[in-house]
Protein backbone atom coordinates (compact mmCIF):
# COMPACT_ATOMS: atom_id res chain seq x y z
CA UNK A 1 -0.30 0.04 -0.08
CA UNK A 2 1.49 3.04 -1.34
CA UNK A 3 2.56 5.81 1.83
CA UNK A 4 3.51 9.55 2.07
CA UNK A 5 5.09 11.28 4.44
CA UNK A 6 4.70 14.81 4.40
CA UNK A 7 6.62 17.64 6.84
CA UNK A 8 4.10 20.15 8.27
CA UNK A 9 4.44 23.67 8.69
CA UNK A 10 3.58 24.62 12.72
CA UNK A 11 2.39 27.72 14.12
CA UNK A 12 1.07 28.07 18.15
CA UNK A 13 -1.75 31.02 18.93
CA UNK A 14 -1.80 32.65 21.97
CA UNK A 15 -5.46 34.45 23.64
CA UNK A 16 -3.78 37.20 24.71
CA UNK A 17 -1.62 38.75 21.30
CA UNK A 18 -4.03 37.90 19.23
CA UNK A 19 -2.72 38.41 16.19
CA UNK A 20 0.98 37.65 16.58
CA UNK A 21 2.34 34.70 14.89
CA UNK A 22 4.51 32.08 15.88
CA UNK A 23 5.21 30.25 13.12
CA UNK A 24 8.59 30.66 12.96
CA UNK A 25 9.70 29.69 16.14
CA UNK A 26 11.16 26.47 17.17
CA UNK A 27 8.66 25.26 19.51
CA UNK A 28 4.95 24.09 19.71
CA UNK A 29 2.78 25.13 22.31
CA UNK A 30 -0.79 23.94 23.67
CA UNK A 31 -1.84 24.39 27.40
CA UNK A 32 -4.57 24.23 29.59
CA UNK A 33 -3.14 27.66 30.19
CA UNK A 34 -0.46 28.84 32.16
CA UNK A 35 0.85 31.64 34.77
CA UNK A 36 1.05 35.03 33.61
CA UNK A 37 0.16 33.51 29.54
CA UNK A 38 -3.17 33.36 27.79
CA UNK A 39 -3.88 29.88 26.84
CA UNK A 40 -2.08 28.78 23.72
CA UNK A 41 -3.35 26.25 20.66
CA UNK A 42 -1.48 25.16 17.88
CA UNK A 43 -1.65 24.69 13.86
CA UNK A 44 -0.53 21.86 11.93
CA UNK A 45 -0.56 22.73 8.16
CA UNK A 46 0.18 20.07 5.74
CA UNK A 47 3.05 21.75 3.23
CA UNK A 48 1.71 19.17 0.82
CA UNK A 49 -1.18 17.83 -1.10
CA UNK A 50 -2.72 14.31 -0.43
CA UNK A 51 -3.04 12.61 -3.48
CA UNK A 52 -5.30 13.02 -5.49
CA UNK A 53 -8.92 10.79 -5.20
CA UNK A 54 -7.04 8.73 -2.77
CA UNK A 55 -8.67 6.32 -0.54
CA UNK A 56 -6.96 6.88 2.06
CA UNK A 57 -7.14 4.27 4.88
CA UNK A 58 -5.03 5.62 7.86
CA UNK A 59 -3.42 8.84 8.69
CA UNK A 60 -1.02 9.53 11.91
CA UNK A 61 0.47 13.00 13.32
CA UNK A 62 3.94 13.04 14.82
CA UNK A 63 4.95 15.43 17.37
CA UNK A 64 8.24 14.79 19.20
CA UNK A 65 8.08 15.98 22.80
CA UNK A 66 9.96 19.12 24.12
CA UNK A 67 11.40 18.85 27.66
CA UNK A 68 13.67 21.23 28.54
CA UNK A 69 13.72 25.76 30.04
CA UNK A 70 10.07 26.83 29.30
CA UNK A 71 9.11 22.99 27.77
CA UNK A 72 5.97 20.38 28.75
CA UNK A 73 5.67 20.59 31.92
CA UNK A 74 1.84 18.49 32.48
CA UNK A 75 1.52 17.59 36.09
CA UNK A 76 -0.05 21.07 37.61
CA UNK A 77 -3.61 20.53 36.58
CA UNK A 78 -6.20 17.63 37.12
CA UNK A 79 -9.11 18.97 36.17
CA UNK A 80 -11.40 16.79 33.75
CA UNK A 81 -9.55 17.36 30.21
CA UNK A 82 -6.85 19.29 31.44
CA UNK A 83 -4.44 16.22 30.15
CA UNK A 84 -6.90 15.19 27.06
CA UNK A 85 -5.43 16.65 23.82
CA UNK A 86 -8.07 17.41 20.41
CA UNK A 87 -7.06 17.03 17.15
CA UNK A 88 -9.63 19.01 14.76
CA UNK A 89 -9.92 19.42 11.32
CA UNK A 90 -9.71 23.67 10.45
CA UNK A 91 -12.35 24.18 8.13
CA UNK A 92 -11.47 27.57 7.19
CA UNK A 93 -8.63 26.73 4.07
CA UNK A 94 -6.04 27.68 3.48
CA UNK A 95 -5.03 28.44 6.49
CA UNK A 96 -1.17 29.96 6.09
CA UNK A 97 1.59 29.61 8.72
CA UNK A 98 3.44 33.13 8.35
CA UNK A 99 -0.13 34.95 8.95
CA UNK A 100 -2.07 32.98 10.87
CA UNK A 101 -2.80 33.88 14.69
CA UNK A 102 -5.22 33.81 17.09
CA UNK A 103 -8.01 35.98 14.97
CA UNK A 104 -6.42 35.51 12.03
CA UNK A 105 -6.03 31.85 9.51
CA UNK A 106 -4.37 34.35 6.78
CA UNK A 107 -4.01 37.78 6.19
CA UNK A 108 -6.83 40.06 7.17
CA UNK A 109 -9.04 37.14 6.82
CA UNK A 110 -10.55 36.43 10.59
CA UNK A 111 -11.64 32.78 12.30
CA UNK A 112 -15.06 33.56 12.83
CA UNK A 113 -14.13 32.42 16.63
CA UNK A 114 -11.08 33.36 17.87
CA UNK A 115 -8.24 30.63 18.15
CA UNK A 116 -9.35 29.02 15.16
CA UNK A 117 -12.73 27.18 13.61
CA UNK A 118 -14.00 23.79 13.41
CA UNK A 119 -16.44 21.26 13.84
CA UNK A 120 -17.49 18.96 16.58
CA UNK A 121 -16.56 15.93 14.54
CA UNK A 122 -14.01 14.93 13.15
CA UNK A 123 -11.85 14.78 16.49
CA UNK A 124 -9.07 12.68 17.70
CA UNK A 125 -8.96 13.13 21.98
CA UNK A 126 -5.93 11.45 23.29
CA UNK A 127 -5.01 11.31 27.34
CA UNK A 128 -1.28 12.42 27.73
CA UNK A 129 0.90 11.02 30.52
CA UNK A 130 1.98 13.85 33.41
CA UNK A 131 5.88 13.05 32.46
CA UNK A 132 7.62 12.76 29.18
CA UNK A 133 11.34 12.94 28.39
CA UNK A 134 12.75 15.11 25.62
CA UNK A 135 12.48 13.12 22.59
CA UNK A 136 9.31 10.69 23.09
CA UNK A 137 7.55 11.08 20.15
CA UNK A 138 3.29 11.33 20.43
CA UNK A 139 1.13 9.47 17.22
CA UNK A 140 -2.25 9.99 17.07
CA UNK A 141 -4.55 8.78 14.42
CA UNK A 142 -6.25 11.72 12.56
CA UNK A 143 -7.74 9.35 9.29
CA UNK A 144 -11.46 10.64 9.84
CA UNK A 145 -9.61 13.82 9.58
CA UNK A 146 -8.02 13.41 6.91
CA UNK A 147 -10.68 11.99 4.32
CA UNK A 148 -12.63 14.57 5.56
CA UNK A 149 -10.63 17.19 4.09
CA UNK A 150 -10.65 14.87 0.96
CA UNK A 151 -15.20 15.44 1.12
CA UNK A 152 -14.80 19.35 1.32
CA UNK A 153 -11.99 19.50 -1.11
CA UNK A 154 -9.29 20.83 1.06
CA UNK A 155 -5.98 20.57 -0.65
CA UNK A 156 -3.51 21.37 2.04
CA UNK A 157 -5.47 20.05 5.73
CA UNK A 158 -4.79 22.03 8.64
CA UNK A 159 -5.47 20.35 12.28
CA UNK A 160 -6.04 22.85 14.93
CA UNK A 161 -4.51 20.71 18.44
CA UNK A 162 -6.25 21.94 21.95
CA UNK A 163 -7.17 20.54 24.83
CA UNK A 164 -9.88 19.53 25.88
CA UNK A 165 -9.91 21.62 29.11
CA UNK A 166 -8.98 24.81 29.16
CA UNK A 167 -8.10 26.26 32.38
CA UNK A 168 -9.19 30.03 34.25
CA UNK A 169 -5.81 30.56 34.89
CA UNK A 170 -2.43 29.17 36.74
CA UNK A 171 -1.39 26.50 37.66
CA UNK A 172 -1.72 25.11 34.40
CA UNK A 173 -0.06 21.81 32.09
CA UNK A 174 1.75 22.35 28.73
CA UNK A 175 2.77 20.52 25.95
CA UNK A 176 5.85 21.91 24.32
CA UNK A 177 6.96 19.72 21.00
CA UNK A 178 9.51 20.61 18.50
CA UNK A 179 8.33 22.04 15.29
CA UNK A 180 8.76 22.61 11.65
CA UNK A 181 11.34 25.62 12.53
CA UNK A 182 13.84 23.29 14.44
CA UNK A 183 17.21 22.88 12.96
CA UNK A 184 17.06 18.87 13.19
CA UNK A 185 14.49 17.94 11.06
CA UNK A 186 14.19 14.06 12.07
CA UNK A 187 12.06 16.25 15.09
CA UNK A 188 10.06 18.44 12.81
CA UNK A 189 6.20 17.55 12.79
CA UNK A 190 5.13 15.25 10.03
CA UNK A 191 2.09 13.68 8.33
CA UNK A 192 1.70 10.01 7.61
CA UNK A 193 -0.97 8.86 4.89
CA UNK A 194 -1.40 4.93 3.81
CA UNK A 195 -3.36 5.50 0.70
CA UNK A 196 -4.97 3.57 -1.84
CA UNK A 197 -5.14 5.06 -5.52
CA UNK A 198 -8.53 4.58 -6.92
CA UNK A 199 -9.68 2.81 -10.26
CA UNK A 200 -11.20 4.51 -12.97
CA UNK A 201 -13.48 2.21 -14.34
CA UNK A 202 -15.46 2.89 -17.87
CA UNK A 203 -18.91 2.30 -17.51
CA UNK A 204 -20.75 -1.11 -18.77
CA UNK A 205 -21.96 -0.58 -22.48
CA UNK A 206 -25.59 -1.87 -23.84
CA UNK A 207 -25.47 -5.20 -24.89
CA UNK A 208 -29.06 -4.63 -26.79
CA UNK A 209 -29.53 -1.65 -29.20
CA UNK A 210 -32.70 -0.17 -28.40
CA UNK A 211 -32.38 -2.14 -24.92
C-alpha cells in the first residue's frame, strides 16, 4: 500500500496576543493556561497535497516532545480534560503558517471564532501522560480528518490542536513539541498517510440495441 510522509508547517496561537504570529518559533505549544500567559492552541498545516482521488486507509500525526526550559510540564492541573489533547480539522482553508494567529487564519482574514474554526467532528482525543522525556514521540491517528478534508476539497488540510479543558488560570499543563523551524529535521512534525489509488472504470455498454 502506498505511503506518503509530509512535513508539517506549524504555528502556535496565544489568546492574549490575538494578531501575533509564532510560525518561526522552534517550538509548538498547547496549554490549559499558565501563569502570566493566555490560552495556547497550535496549528499543523500540510505543505504538500494528499494524492488526488486517494482512498485514505490510515493517517497519523507525529509530534516530538520538547522538555527543557519553558517546555512540557504536564502535572500541574488535574481537572477533567486537563490531560486530554484534541485534534480537529480546521474549516477555513488555506490556513497560512506565516500569517495565521489567534484572530486570523490568513492576512486580514479572520476566524469566525478566536483560536480557530472547526467542527466538533471529526476529532481525535488522546489522554496524555503527566511526565515525558525530551524526544518522546506522540503518534496520534487523524484518519477521519484527512478523509473529511478530501470530501470538502481542502488540498492542504490544517489541524487545530487544543486541550479539552482550557482552565481559567494557573497552574496549568503545557505540551511543547519541536516545530518545523527546528534545525533537526528528524524532530519536525510529520503526517504519514497510507492510501490506495482509486482505479477509473469505464461504464459497461448496453448489450442490446434499443434496450
